[in-house]
Each structure stands twice: as structure tokens, then as C-alpha cells.
């Protein structure tokens, strides 16, 4: 099996997978969008806070109460 070499101009076929899903190549587009914040509630209790970055990364902060 071919191994990819750093800086090699061609990706070996063994390292490629075919998908019908579209993918972005390169850095994310510059955006002035703000992160999205969503509060996850269970009645009056806040169970978690989800923060989604414009780049798509998502962080869930779980709230625990004593």
C-alpha cells in the first residue's frame, strides 16, 4: 500500500474515499456571523447551553445542580 508523503503533489488512491456528500476544500469562508447560543431546558431547569460557532463547531456545556 502506498503511504502519503508530506508535501507530495498526488494523494495515493488508497488514501481516497468516494462520497456523494459535498465537502468544502480549504479554509472556511470568512463570516461576520455571531455564534448561536441555545439553552436546553427541562421545565424551569437549564440542563445545558449549546454554543455553535459559525464554522460549525458545537460545544455543549452541561449544567449540574447540587
C-alpha atoms as a PDB file:
ATOM      1  CA  UNK A   1       0.000   0.000   0.000  1.00  0.00           C
ATOM      2  CA  UNK A   2       1.293   3.487  -0.869  1.00  0.00           C
ATOM      3  CA  UNK A   3       1.954   5.799   2.020  1.00  0.00           C
ATOM      4  CA  UNK A   4       1.319   9.520   1.659  1.00  0.00           C
ATOM      5  CA  UNK A   5       4.457  11.614   1.879  1.00  0.00           C
ATOM      6  CA  UNK A   6       4.227  15.094   3.417  1.00  0.00           C
ATOM      7  CA  UNK A   7       4.143  17.637   0.618  1.00  0.00           C
ATOM      8  CA  UNK A   8       3.556  15.016  -2.084  1.00  0.00           C
ATOM      9  CA  UNK A   9       1.618  16.511  -5.049  1.00  0.00           C
ATOM     10  CA  UNK A  10      -0.578  13.411  -5.502  1.00  0.00           C
ATOM     11  CA  UNK A  11      -2.740  11.647  -2.924  1.00  0.00           C
ATOM     12  CA  UNK A  12      -2.400   7.851  -3.246  1.00  0.00           C
ATOM     13  CA  UNK A  13      -5.622   6.092  -4.299  1.00  0.00           C
ATOM     14  CA  UNK A  14      -5.572   4.004  -1.120  1.00  0.00           C
ATOM     15  CA  UNK A  15      -5.973   7.218   0.898  1.00  0.00           C
ATOM     16  CA  UNK A  16      -9.037   8.443  -1.058  1.00  0.00           C
ATOM     17  CA  UNK A  17     -12.665   7.570  -0.387  1.00  0.00           C
ATOM     18  CA  UNK A  18     -15.579   8.407  -2.662  1.00  0.00           C
ATOM     19  CA  UNK A  19     -18.717  10.001  -1.240  1.00  0.00           C
ATOM     20  CA  UNK A  20     -21.873  11.511  -2.702  1.00  0.00           C
ATOM     21  CA  UNK A  21     -21.750  14.153   0.034  1.00  0.00           C
ATOM     22  CA  UNK A  22     -20.332  17.555  -0.929  1.00  0.00           C
ATOM     23  CA  UNK A  23     -17.334  18.732   1.096  1.00  0.00           C
ATOM     24  CA  UNK A  24     -15.545  22.046   1.403  1.00  0.00           C
ATOM     25  CA  UNK A  25     -11.868  22.102   0.481  1.00  0.00           C
ATOM     26  CA  UNK A  26      -9.739  24.826   2.000  1.00  0.00           C
ATOM     27  CA  UNK A  27     -10.325  27.233   4.848  1.00  0.00           C
ATOM     28  CA  UNK A  28     -13.862  28.171   5.901  1.00  0.00           C
ATOM     29  CA  UNK A  29     -15.348  31.274   4.353  1.00  0.00           C
ATOM     30  CA  UNK A  30     -14.821  34.471   6.262  1.00  0.00           C
ATOM     31  CA  UNK A  31     -18.001  35.488   8.010  1.00  0.00           C
ATOM     32  CA  UNK A  32     -19.133  38.184  10.388  1.00  0.00           C
ATOM     33  CA  UNK A  33     -21.779  35.840  11.810  1.00  0.00           C
ATOM     34  CA  UNK A  34     -22.087  35.516  15.552  1.00  0.00           C
ATOM     35  CA  UNK A  35     -22.083  32.198  17.407  1.00  0.00           C
ATOM     36  CA  UNK A  36     -25.546  30.752  18.045  1.00  0.00           C
ATOM     37  CA  UNK A  37     -26.483  30.043  21.663  1.00  0.00           C
ATOM     38  CA  UNK A  38     -29.291  27.669  22.619  1.00  0.00           C
ATOM     39  CA  UNK A  39     -30.485  26.913  26.137  1.00  0.00           C
ATOM     40  CA  UNK A  40     -31.619  23.324  26.723  1.00  0.00           C
ATOM     41  CA  UNK A  41     -34.329  23.296  29.400  1.00  0.00           C
ATOM     42  CA  UNK A  42     -36.178  20.682  31.400  1.00  0.00           C
ATOM     43  CA  UNK A  43     -39.125  22.653  32.705  1.00  0.00           C
ATOM     44  CA  UNK A  44     -37.666  25.580  34.636  1.00  0.00           C
ATOM     45  CA  UNK A  45     -34.208  23.974  34.936  1.00  0.00           C
ATOM     46  CA  UNK A  46     -31.440  24.786  32.485  1.00  0.00           C
ATOM     47  CA  UNK A  47     -29.860  21.410  31.642  1.00  0.00           C
ATOM     48  CA  UNK A  48     -27.292  22.613  29.092  1.00  0.00           C
ATOM     49  CA  UNK A  49     -26.128  25.534  26.995  1.00  0.00           C
ATOM     50  CA  UNK A  50     -25.133  24.800  23.395  1.00  0.00           C
ATOM     51  CA  UNK A  51     -22.852  27.216  21.564  1.00  0.00           C
ATOM     52  CA  UNK A  52     -22.483  26.734  17.803  1.00  0.00           C
ATOM     53  CA  UNK A  53     -19.667  28.583  16.065  1.00  0.00           C
ATOM     54  CA  UNK A  54     -20.243  29.972  12.554  1.00  0.00           C
ATOM     55  CA  UNK A  55     -17.651  27.392  11.391  1.00  0.00           C
ATOM     56  CA  UNK A  56     -19.988  24.607  12.564  1.00  0.00           C
ATOM     57  CA  UNK A  57     -18.161  23.550  15.727  1.00  0.00           C
ATOM     58  CA  UNK A  58     -20.561  22.926  18.604  1.00  0.00           C
ATOM     59  CA  UNK A  59     -19.872  22.918  22.346  1.00  0.00           C
ATOM     60  CA  UNK A  60     -22.414  21.702  24.909  1.00  0.00           C
ATOM     61  CA  UNK A  61     -21.998  22.995  28.455  1.00  0.00           C
ATOM     62  CA  UNK A  62     -23.855  20.658  30.816  1.00  0.00           C
ATOM     63  CA  UNK A  63     -25.354  22.324  33.894  1.00  0.00           C
ATOM     64  CA  UNK A  64     -25.346  20.277  37.089  1.00  0.00           C
ATOM     65  CA  UNK A  65     -27.049  21.372  40.276  1.00  0.00           C
ATOM     66  CA  UNK A  66     -26.317  20.346  43.890  1.00  0.00           C
END
